[in-house]
Structure formats: structure tokens, C-alpha cells
Amino acid sequence: MLNFDFYNPTRVAFGEGTIARLDELVPADARVLVLYGGGSAERNGTLAEVEAALGQRSVQRFGGIEPNPSYETLMKAVEQIRREGLDFLLAVGGGSVIDGTKFVAAAVGHAGDPWEILQTRGKSVSSALPLGCVLTLPATGSEMNCASVVTRRSLNAKIGFFSRHVFPRFSVLDPVKTYTLPPRQIANGVVDAFVHVAEQYLTYPVNAAVQDRYAESLLQTLIEVGPQALATPQDYDVRANLMWAATQALSGPVGAGVPQDWATHMIGHEITALHGLDHAQTLAIVLPALLAERRAPKRAKLLQYAARVWNIRDGDEDARIDAAIARTREFFESLGVRTRLSDYGIGAEALDALVAQLEAHGMTAIGEHRDLDLATSRRILEACL
């Protein structure tokens, strides 16, 4: 196990009715901006519940944050905060809203062009407004980490950044708030969380027994509760386990002190930027193809994955690896998330532009060994067709 420095200051309030705890979690004198996405939070009463819990505090709203939040929209929130003198941000929604709120928190006081935050992958962030979260969609784990991904539509660029300054002060997780989510969003959330774990687990052995078993337990939980969440949308225990698994998938411990890949995400980001696919859809497309292409450097962990996660123990090693990759693809498909570019009307003619985007964004040596070059990315994308 490699050396590591693990840090996560986010306080979690988990369970039914926890939105009421905003009164104790948000400073009494805060001037709050509530950020949210579409109209669902308003229609289902979550925004009203949040504002009731905030009591007499000064509260303003900013809505319309898109899936794959856009830089252009988020800069309007930055302008509102500066104009109105607001000093606390509250994200109400899923990962896109939370990611966008993190960028806004960092951009408000940024001395230069806020785009530098993304260009430097967060290295230019020296401070941020405090923020909290009310999670309504279990998927990205953004509610308990310091990562954010933002899309600048004018440049067709989808870029992530990291900064300890944008850790949420707290996150409120009420599984009941997921009951009315469309099946597509639940399925996407399961895939997103699954791939988050896989990117930290399917690399190479470093004798990190705790992290390996932790990752395997999360993957097995998602395999179990994912279909249940679709079949019984108002089963509290199922939704609670899904919500907590998705949060844990990217909160830090799984990847502490172990090599991490993230090439699936980097390639997937370019598919979203150019073709507008859901983030989880791109992950479901890329991961099986990437595992097949990278089976040699990942061999030991793929065999471990086959045995411990899918209970595939018979046959020769290559057959077991093939079966584990096939089971992964089948799992995504069973949730209704298709796993081929052609399923979304994307053909071979799109590959040149996708590879060019990877090159333009510096994704020329990615993966856990930093040896996944553009030629390898092209082969992976070809296998995605």
C-alpha cells in the first residue's frame, strides 16, 4: 500500500427528515444562495422544505443548473452572489448541481479569469465560499469530496478540478428524496457509482487489503441494490443503501493509498462534450472496452474482480477475465443503460474528433501507469462501437 494523506471534513446528516437539520448546520447569520437544477426540486416540495428549515435567514435562489453543469450558466450565479453580497451556498440536487456549486464557490473570489480554475485543475484556487448540500440523486459522490467537473459549451470542453477549499461543510442525505426520481436517473446513478469504485480498484495489486475488500463490498452492494431500486422505488432500505454506497464510492477511503485509473472518465467526458450523452452512459460504454484493451496490465486485479465480485472461479485465466468483463456489461445493460456507441447513433466517423479532443485537453498519457496514449484510446473507442 502506497503512502497517503487522507482528509475529508464533510459532515453527513443521513436519514429521513434530515432536511430539518439545516437550521443547525447553516450559520444563523448566513446570506444563502440555494442552487438547484430543473423544476423537480420545486415541484416535489424539496425547495420549500429547505427554505422552511432555513427559517429567517436571507435566502435567494439560483435555478437552471444543467446536467453536466455549464460554465456559462454558473458564471451567472457568480454574478448574482457578487451583486447581492451572499456568503453561503446550498446545493439542492445531484452531482451536477453540487459540482456546479463547488465551481461557483471557488470562482466568486477568484482574482483572475475563473476559467483558470479549470485550466489549472484547481491549483489556482486559494479560497472559496462555504457550501453545503442537500442530495436528491445518489450517483457521483460529489456531496462528500472536493472534486468538480464543469463543461464550457462554447469550447466543447468538459474539465474537472480538485481543491480542498470546496469540500462541502455538510451534506444532508434523505433517501426519501429519491423516491420520485425517473428510472433513467437511478440507473445512471448505479452505473456512475460502480465505475467510480472500479476506477480505484481495477488497477494493480499494492497489498491494500482493506481498500480492496471495501471496494468489493461496494461493488457487490451496487449489483444487489441497483435492480431492487428500479423494481421497488419506495423501499426505504434499498434507497438508503444505494445512497450511502454512491457516497462512499468517491469519498476517499476506497482510493486511499492505492493506484487509480480514471481513463474511463477522461474518455467518457469527451463523448459527453461532443455528443451530449449522460455521464453514466459514457462510462457504461467505455469501461468494458477499456478493461478488455488493458487486460494485460490489469490482469491480477481482473482475476481478483472475477473471483471476489462475480464469483467466477472456474476455467482458465483468460476465460475468467472475459466472463468478468461480460458480466460487467450485462449488469449495465440490465439496468437499461446501453453499452455501445452505436446504441446512441454514434459511428466510426466520430472517432477522429474524440481523439483530437483528448489530445487538446492533454489526455495523452492517462491510466494508472500513465501509459494509455492516444493510439490506445482510439483502440478503446473502436471497441466501443
Protein backbone atom coordinates (compact mmCIF):
# COMPACT_ATOMS: atom_id res chain seq x y z
CA MET A 1 0.00 0.00 0.00
CA LEU A 2 1.38 3.39 -1.01
CA ASN A 3 1.77 6.36 1.32
CA PHE A 4 -1.25 8.63 1.54
CA ASP A 5 -2.74 11.64 3.30
CA PHE A 6 -6.46 11.13 3.80
CA TYR A 7 -8.62 14.13 4.65
CA ASN A 8 -12.39 14.62 4.47
CA PRO A 9 -14.08 17.28 6.63
CA THR A 10 -17.63 16.86 5.31
CA ARG A 11 -20.25 16.24 7.99
CA VAL A 12 -23.07 13.93 6.88
CA ALA A 13 -26.64 14.09 8.18
CA PHE A 14 -28.23 10.86 6.91
CA GLY A 15 -31.82 9.67 7.16
CA GLU A 16 -35.45 10.56 6.74
CA GLY A 17 -36.38 14.08 7.81
CA THR A 18 -32.80 15.38 7.98
CA ILE A 19 -33.52 18.48 5.89
CA ALA A 20 -34.90 19.97 9.10
CA ARG A 21 -31.34 19.94 10.46
CA LEU A 22 -30.35 22.74 8.09
CA ASP A 23 -31.29 25.14 10.88
CA GLU A 24 -28.36 23.87 12.95
CA LEU A 25 -25.98 23.25 10.05
CA VAL A 26 -26.16 26.65 8.30
CA PRO A 27 -24.81 29.66 10.23
CA ALA A 28 -27.65 31.74 11.68
CA ASP A 29 -26.43 34.96 10.06
CA ALA A 30 -25.71 33.45 6.64
CA ARG A 31 -26.90 35.12 3.45
CA VAL A 32 -27.74 31.98 1.50
CA LEU A 33 -27.95 31.22 -2.20
CA VAL A 34 -29.83 27.99 -2.89
CA LEU A 35 -28.65 26.48 -6.17
CA TYR A 36 -30.65 23.81 -7.97
CA GLY A 37 -31.25 22.27 -11.39
CA GLY A 38 -34.55 21.92 -13.18
CA GLY A 39 -38.00 22.27 -11.73
CA SER A 40 -38.26 18.91 -9.96
CA ALA A 41 -36.94 20.22 -6.64
CA GLU A 42 -39.61 22.89 -6.75
CA ARG A 43 -42.42 20.62 -7.93
CA ASN A 44 -41.83 17.90 -5.35
CA GLY A 45 -41.64 20.34 -2.46
CA THR A 46 -37.95 19.90 -1.62
CA LEU A 47 -37.11 23.57 -2.17
CA ALA A 48 -39.99 24.66 0.04
CA GLU A 49 -38.83 22.23 2.73
CA VAL A 50 -35.28 23.57 2.50
CA GLU A 51 -36.40 27.19 2.74
CA ALA A 52 -38.66 26.41 5.69
CA ALA A 53 -35.72 24.81 7.50
CA LEU A 54 -33.58 27.89 6.83
CA GLY A 55 -36.09 29.96 8.78
CA GLN A 56 -35.47 33.70 8.93
CA ARG A 57 -32.15 33.68 7.12
CA SER A 58 -31.78 35.78 4.00
CA VAL A 59 -32.29 33.31 1.13
CA GLN A 60 -32.13 33.70 -2.64
CA ARG A 61 -32.47 31.11 -5.38
CA PHE A 62 -30.49 30.25 -8.49
CA GLY A 63 -32.00 27.56 -10.71
CA GLY A 64 -31.33 26.05 -14.09
CA ILE A 65 -28.00 24.28 -13.49
CA GLU A 66 -27.83 21.66 -16.22
CA PRO A 67 -26.78 18.04 -16.18
CA ASN A 68 -23.07 18.42 -16.95
CA PRO A 69 -23.16 21.95 -15.50
CA SER A 70 -22.10 24.66 -17.89
CA TYR A 71 -19.52 27.32 -17.16
CA GLU A 72 -21.73 29.86 -18.88
CA THR A 73 -24.69 29.22 -16.55
CA LEU A 74 -22.53 29.03 -13.42
CA MET A 75 -20.95 32.41 -14.11
CA LYS A 76 -24.44 33.93 -13.85
CA ALA A 77 -24.63 32.58 -10.31
CA VAL A 78 -21.22 34.09 -9.59
CA GLU A 79 -22.54 37.46 -10.76
CA GLN A 80 -25.62 37.17 -8.54
CA ILE A 81 -23.53 36.36 -5.46
CA ARG A 82 -21.18 39.26 -6.05
CA ARG A 83 -24.04 41.66 -6.74
CA GLU A 84 -26.13 40.64 -3.72
CA GLY A 85 -23.31 40.09 -1.22
CA LEU A 86 -24.26 36.46 -0.50
CA ASP A 87 -21.90 34.39 1.63
CA PHE A 88 -23.14 30.78 1.89
CA LEU A 89 -24.05 28.36 -0.89
CA LEU A 90 -26.52 25.48 -0.55
CA ALA A 91 -26.70 22.96 -3.40
CA VAL A 92 -30.02 21.12 -3.68
CA GLY A 93 -29.83 18.33 -6.23
CA GLY A 94 -27.50 15.69 -7.60
CA GLY A 95 -23.88 15.68 -8.64
CA SER A 96 -24.23 18.24 -11.41
CA VAL A 97 -25.72 20.84 -9.06
CA ILE A 98 -23.12 20.08 -6.40
CA ASP A 99 -20.23 20.17 -8.88
CA GLY A 100 -21.50 23.47 -10.23
CA THR A 101 -21.85 24.91 -6.74
CA LYS A 102 -18.25 23.99 -5.96
CA PHE A 103 -17.07 25.88 -9.03
CA VAL A 104 -19.20 28.88 -8.10
CA ALA A 105 -17.81 28.82 -4.55
CA ALA A 106 -14.27 28.95 -5.90
CA ALA A 107 -14.98 31.45 -8.68
CA VAL A 108 -16.62 34.20 -6.60
CA GLY A 109 -13.40 35.38 -5.00
CA HIS A 110 -11.01 34.31 -7.76
CA ALA A 111 -8.73 37.18 -8.68
CA GLY A 112 -8.23 36.27 -12.32
CA ASP A 113 -10.31 34.66 -15.02
CA PRO A 114 -12.39 31.92 -13.33
CA TRP A 115 -11.70 29.63 -16.27
CA GLU A 116 -8.19 29.34 -14.80
CA ILE A 117 -9.69 27.21 -12.02
CA LEU A 118 -10.41 24.50 -14.59
CA GLN A 119 -7.35 25.08 -16.72
CA THR A 120 -5.12 24.54 -13.65
CA ARG A 121 -7.27 21.61 -12.39
CA GLY A 122 -7.85 23.59 -9.18
CA LYS A 123 -4.27 24.56 -8.39
CA SER A 124 -5.17 28.26 -8.71
CA VAL A 125 -7.88 28.04 -6.00
CA SER A 126 -6.78 29.69 -2.76
CA SER A 127 -10.18 30.19 -1.10
CA ALA A 128 -13.88 29.51 -1.61
CA LEU A 129 -17.24 30.42 -0.16
CA PRO A 130 -18.59 27.85 2.33
CA LEU A 131 -21.11 25.44 0.89
CA GLY A 132 -23.44 22.68 1.98
CA CYS A 133 -25.50 20.10 0.10
CA VAL A 134 -28.94 18.55 0.12
CA LEU A 135 -28.54 15.44 -2.03
CA THR A 136 -31.52 14.31 -4.12
CA LEU A 137 -29.82 11.95 -6.58
CA PRO A 138 -27.33 9.27 -5.46
CA ALA A 139 -24.64 8.92 -8.12
CA THR A 140 -21.49 10.99 -8.23
CA GLY A 141 -20.40 11.16 -4.59
CA SER A 142 -19.77 14.88 -5.07
CA GLU A 143 -21.56 15.54 -1.77
CA MET A 144 -18.57 14.18 0.15
CA ASN A 145 -15.46 15.11 -1.83
CA CYS A 146 -13.56 18.08 -3.21
CA ALA A 147 -13.90 17.27 -6.91
CA SER A 148 -15.96 19.01 -9.58
CA VAL A 149 -16.44 18.70 -13.33
CA VAL A 150 -17.68 21.63 -15.42
CA THR A 151 -18.46 21.93 -19.14
CA ARG A 152 -17.67 25.04 -21.16
CA ARG A 153 -20.06 24.60 -24.03
CA SER A 154 -18.53 27.29 -26.21
CA LEU A 155 -15.28 25.28 -26.25
CA ASN A 156 -16.77 21.75 -26.16
CA ALA A 157 -14.61 21.22 -23.08
CA LYS A 158 -15.55 19.13 -20.03
CA ILE A 159 -12.87 19.51 -17.36
CA GLY A 160 -12.54 18.57 -13.71
CA PHE A 161 -10.79 20.26 -10.83
CA PHE A 162 -9.93 19.44 -7.22
CA SER A 163 -9.46 21.72 -4.24
CA ARG A 164 -9.70 21.19 -0.51
CA HIS A 165 -11.32 24.61 -0.34
CA VAL A 166 -14.53 23.24 -1.91
CA PHE A 167 -15.24 20.33 0.40
CA PRO A 168 -18.88 20.69 1.48
CA ARG A 169 -19.18 21.75 5.12
CA PHE A 170 -22.05 19.28 5.40
CA SER A 171 -24.29 17.09 3.28
CA VAL A 172 -27.90 16.17 4.05
CA LEU A 173 -28.84 12.74 2.66
CA ASP A 174 -32.51 11.76 2.91
CA PRO A 175 -33.25 8.58 0.92
CA VAL A 176 -36.94 9.51 0.74
CA LYS A 177 -35.99 12.36 -1.62
CA THR A 178 -35.01 9.77 -4.24
CA TYR A 179 -38.42 8.08 -4.43
CA THR A 180 -39.72 10.18 -7.33
CA LEU A 181 -36.60 10.03 -9.49
CA PRO A 182 -37.08 8.67 -13.02
CA PRO A 183 -35.68 5.14 -13.58
CA ARG A 184 -33.08 6.52 -16.00
CA GLN A 185 -31.55 8.67 -13.26
CA ILE A 186 -31.49 5.81 -10.77
CA ALA A 187 -29.86 3.50 -13.31
CA ASN A 188 -27.31 6.18 -14.23
CA GLY A 189 -26.53 6.66 -10.55
CA VAL A 190 -25.82 2.97 -10.03
CA VAL A 191 -23.51 2.88 -13.06
CA ASP A 192 -21.74 6.07 -12.01
CA ALA A 193 -21.03 4.77 -8.51
CA PHE A 194 -19.97 1.36 -9.85
CA VAL A 195 -17.43 2.87 -12.23
CA HIS A 196 -16.10 5.22 -9.53
CA VAL A 197 -15.21 2.19 -7.46
CA ALA A 198 -13.86 0.27 -10.45
CA GLU A 199 -11.51 3.11 -11.43
CA GLN A 200 -9.90 2.94 -7.98
CA TYR A 201 -9.89 -0.87 -7.75
CA LEU A 202 -9.16 -2.35 -11.18
CA THR A 203 -5.53 -1.31 -11.46
CA TYR A 204 -2.72 -3.47 -9.99
CA PRO A 205 -2.09 -5.02 -6.55
CA VAL A 206 -0.34 -2.99 -3.85
CA ASN A 207 -1.27 -5.18 -0.86
CA ALA A 208 -4.07 -2.85 0.24
CA ALA A 209 -6.36 -5.49 1.69
CA VAL A 210 -8.71 -3.05 3.41
CA GLN A 211 -9.24 -0.90 0.31
CA ASP A 212 -9.71 -3.98 -1.89
CA ARG A 213 -12.34 -5.51 0.38
CA TYR A 214 -14.03 -2.14 0.79
CA ALA A 215 -14.22 -1.71 -2.99
CA GLU A 216 -15.51 -5.24 -3.48
CA SER A 217 -18.22 -4.80 -0.88
CA LEU A 218 -19.41 -1.59 -2.54
CA LEU A 219 -19.48 -3.25 -5.97
CA GLN A 220 -21.44 -6.20 -4.59
CA THR A 221 -23.86 -3.84 -2.85
CA LEU A 222 -24.49 -1.93 -6.07
CA ILE A 223 -25.01 -5.17 -8.00
CA GLU A 224 -27.59 -6.20 -5.41
CA VAL A 225 -29.45 -2.97 -4.76
CA GLY A 226 -29.32 -1.46 -8.26
CA PRO A 227 -32.04 -3.68 -9.73
CA GLN A 228 -34.01 -3.50 -6.46
CA ALA A 229 -34.01 0.31 -6.58
CA LEU A 230 -35.61 0.15 -10.03
CA ALA A 231 -38.11 -2.56 -9.06
CA THR A 232 -39.23 -1.08 -5.71
CA PRO A 233 -38.71 2.68 -5.92
CA GLN A 234 -40.19 3.43 -2.47
CA ASP A 235 -38.28 0.81 -0.49
CA TYR A 236 -36.50 2.97 2.08
CA ASP A 237 -33.81 0.42 2.96
CA VAL A 238 -32.90 -0.17 -0.68
CA ARG A 239 -32.69 3.55 -1.46
CA ALA A 240 -30.73 4.18 1.75
CA ASN A 241 -28.14 1.55 0.86
CA LEU A 242 -27.88 2.86 -2.69
CA MET A 243 -27.44 6.43 -1.49
CA TRP A 244 -24.76 5.51 1.04
CA ALA A 245 -22.90 3.25 -1.42
CA ALA A 246 -22.80 6.02 -4.02
CA THR A 247 -21.49 8.48 -1.44
CA GLN A 248 -18.83 6.08 -0.19
CA ALA A 249 -17.71 5.23 -3.72
CA LEU A 250 -15.92 8.57 -4.09
CA SER A 251 -15.48 9.92 -0.56
CA GLY A 252 -11.82 8.94 -0.28
CA PRO A 253 -11.22 5.70 1.66
CA VAL A 254 -11.59 3.33 -1.32
CA GLY A 255 -8.78 5.08 -3.18
CA ALA A 256 -6.56 5.98 -0.24
CA GLY A 257 -3.02 4.78 -0.82
CA VAL A 258 -3.79 2.78 -3.98
CA PRO A 259 -3.20 3.46 -7.69
CA GLN A 260 -6.14 4.92 -9.56
CA ASP A 261 -7.05 4.80 -13.25
CA TRP A 262 -9.73 7.37 -14.34
CA ALA A 263 -9.10 6.83 -18.06
CA THR A 264 -12.71 5.69 -18.49
CA HIS A 265 -13.83 9.06 -17.13
CA MET A 266 -11.42 11.06 -19.28
CA ILE A 267 -12.56 9.33 -22.48
CA GLY A 268 -16.19 9.49 -21.39
CA HIS A 269 -16.00 13.22 -20.76
CA GLU A 270 -15.15 13.82 -24.41
CA ILE A 271 -18.12 11.74 -25.57
CA THR A 272 -20.40 13.87 -23.40
CA ALA A 273 -18.81 17.12 -24.54
CA LEU A 274 -19.22 16.33 -28.24
CA HIS A 275 -22.39 14.24 -28.28
CA GLY A 276 -24.33 15.16 -25.14
CA LEU A 277 -24.67 11.66 -23.68
CA ASP A 278 -25.34 11.28 -19.96
CA HIS A 279 -22.13 10.92 -17.97
CA ALA A 280 -23.06 7.42 -16.78
CA GLN A 281 -23.94 6.34 -20.31
CA THR A 282 -20.41 7.17 -21.44
CA LEU A 283 -18.93 5.24 -18.51
CA ALA A 284 -21.02 2.17 -19.35
CA ILE A 285 -19.79 2.39 -22.94
CA VAL A 286 -16.11 2.85 -22.20
CA LEU A 287 -15.38 0.67 -19.15
CA PRO A 288 -15.93 -2.80 -20.69
CA ALA A 289 -13.91 -1.87 -23.78
CA LEU A 290 -11.13 -0.37 -21.68
CA LEU A 291 -10.90 -3.43 -19.43
CA ALA A 292 -10.61 -5.67 -22.47
CA GLU A 293 -7.90 -3.49 -24.03
CA ARG A 294 -5.96 -3.16 -20.76
CA ARG A 295 -6.32 -6.76 -19.64
CA ALA A 296 -2.54 -7.32 -19.53
CA PRO A 297 -1.56 -4.56 -17.06
CA LYS A 298 -4.78 -5.14 -15.09
CA ARG A 299 -4.58 -8.94 -15.19
CA ALA A 300 -4.10 -9.66 -11.48
CA LYS A 301 -6.88 -7.33 -10.38
CA LEU A 302 -9.25 -8.51 -13.12
CA LEU A 303 -8.82 -12.08 -11.88
CA GLN A 304 -9.45 -10.90 -8.32
CA TYR A 305 -12.52 -8.98 -9.52
CA ALA A 306 -13.82 -12.06 -11.32
CA ALA A 307 -13.45 -14.25 -8.23
CA ARG A 308 -14.48 -11.90 -5.46
CA VAL A 309 -17.16 -9.75 -7.08
CA TRP A 310 -18.71 -12.12 -9.66
CA ASN A 311 -17.73 -15.47 -8.07
CA ILE A 312 -16.13 -16.60 -11.33
CA ARG A 313 -13.51 -19.16 -10.31
CA ASP A 314 -13.64 -21.92 -12.94
CA GLY A 315 -11.87 -22.09 -16.28
CA ASP A 316 -8.54 -20.72 -17.41
CA GLU A 317 -7.46 -17.19 -16.50
CA ASP A 318 -8.34 -15.57 -19.83
CA ALA A 319 -11.80 -17.14 -19.79
CA ARG A 320 -12.40 -15.81 -16.28
CA ILE A 321 -11.37 -12.32 -17.30
CA ASP A 322 -13.60 -12.47 -20.38
CA ALA A 323 -16.51 -13.60 -18.22
CA ALA A 324 -16.00 -10.82 -15.66
CA ILE A 325 -15.96 -8.16 -18.37
CA ALA A 326 -19.05 -9.69 -19.97
CA ARG A 327 -20.86 -9.74 -16.61
CA THR A 328 -20.00 -6.07 -16.13
CA ARG A 329 -21.50 -5.16 -19.49
CA GLU A 330 -24.56 -7.34 -18.78
CA PHE A 331 -25.09 -5.62 -15.44
CA PHE A 332 -25.15 -2.17 -17.03
CA GLU A 333 -27.50 -3.38 -19.77
CA SER A 334 -29.80 -4.98 -17.16
CA LEU A 335 -30.30 -1.52 -15.67
CA GLY A 336 -31.33 -0.15 -19.05
CA VAL A 337 -28.01 1.62 -19.71
CA ARG A 338 -26.74 0.71 -23.19
CA THR A 339 -23.06 -0.02 -23.64
CA ARG A 340 -22.21 0.69 -27.31
CA LEU A 341 -21.67 3.98 -29.11
CA SER A 342 -23.87 2.66 -31.90
CA ASP A 343 -26.75 2.38 -29.42
CA TYR A 344 -26.71 6.18 -29.32
CA GLY A 345 -26.30 6.73 -33.05
CA ILE A 346 -22.54 7.38 -32.86
CA GLY A 347 -20.41 5.70 -35.53
CA ALA A 348 -16.79 5.38 -36.58
CA GLU A 349 -16.88 8.82 -38.20
CA ALA A 350 -16.91 10.35 -34.69
CA LEU A 351 -13.64 8.82 -33.52
CA ASP A 352 -11.21 11.33 -35.04
CA ALA A 353 -12.89 14.22 -33.25
CA LEU A 354 -12.97 12.35 -29.93
CA VAL A 355 -9.26 11.53 -30.12
CA ALA A 356 -8.50 15.12 -31.12
CA GLN A 357 -10.37 16.34 -28.05
CA LEU A 358 -8.33 14.05 -25.81
CA GLU A 359 -5.16 15.47 -27.32
CA ALA A 360 -6.37 19.06 -26.99
CA HIS A 361 -7.08 18.54 -23.29
CA GLY A 362 -3.74 16.92 -22.54
CA MET A 363 -5.13 13.38 -22.12
CA THR A 364 -2.22 11.76 -23.93
CA ALA A 365 -0.77 9.66 -21.10
CA ILE A 366 -3.58 8.54 -18.81
CA GLY A 367 -4.45 5.49 -16.71
CA GLU A 368 -2.80 4.14 -13.58
CA HIS A 369 0.56 3.69 -15.36
CA ARG A 370 0.27 6.93 -17.37
CA ASP A 371 0.93 4.88 -20.49
CA LEU A 372 -2.51 4.92 -22.10
CA ASP A 373 -1.71 7.03 -25.16
CA LEU A 374 -3.87 8.37 -27.97
CA ALA A 375 -3.43 5.25 -30.07
CA THR A 376 -4.69 3.12 -27.19
CA SER A 377 -7.61 5.48 -26.60
CA ARG A 378 -8.52 5.11 -30.28
CA ARG A 379 -8.49 1.31 -29.99
CA ILE A 380 -10.73 1.54 -26.94
CA LEU A 381 -13.16 3.81 -28.77
CA GLU A 382 -13.15 1.47 -31.76
CA ALA A 383 -14.09 -1.38 -29.42
CA CYS A 384 -16.93 0.80 -28.07
CA LEU A 385 -18.67 0.88 -31.45
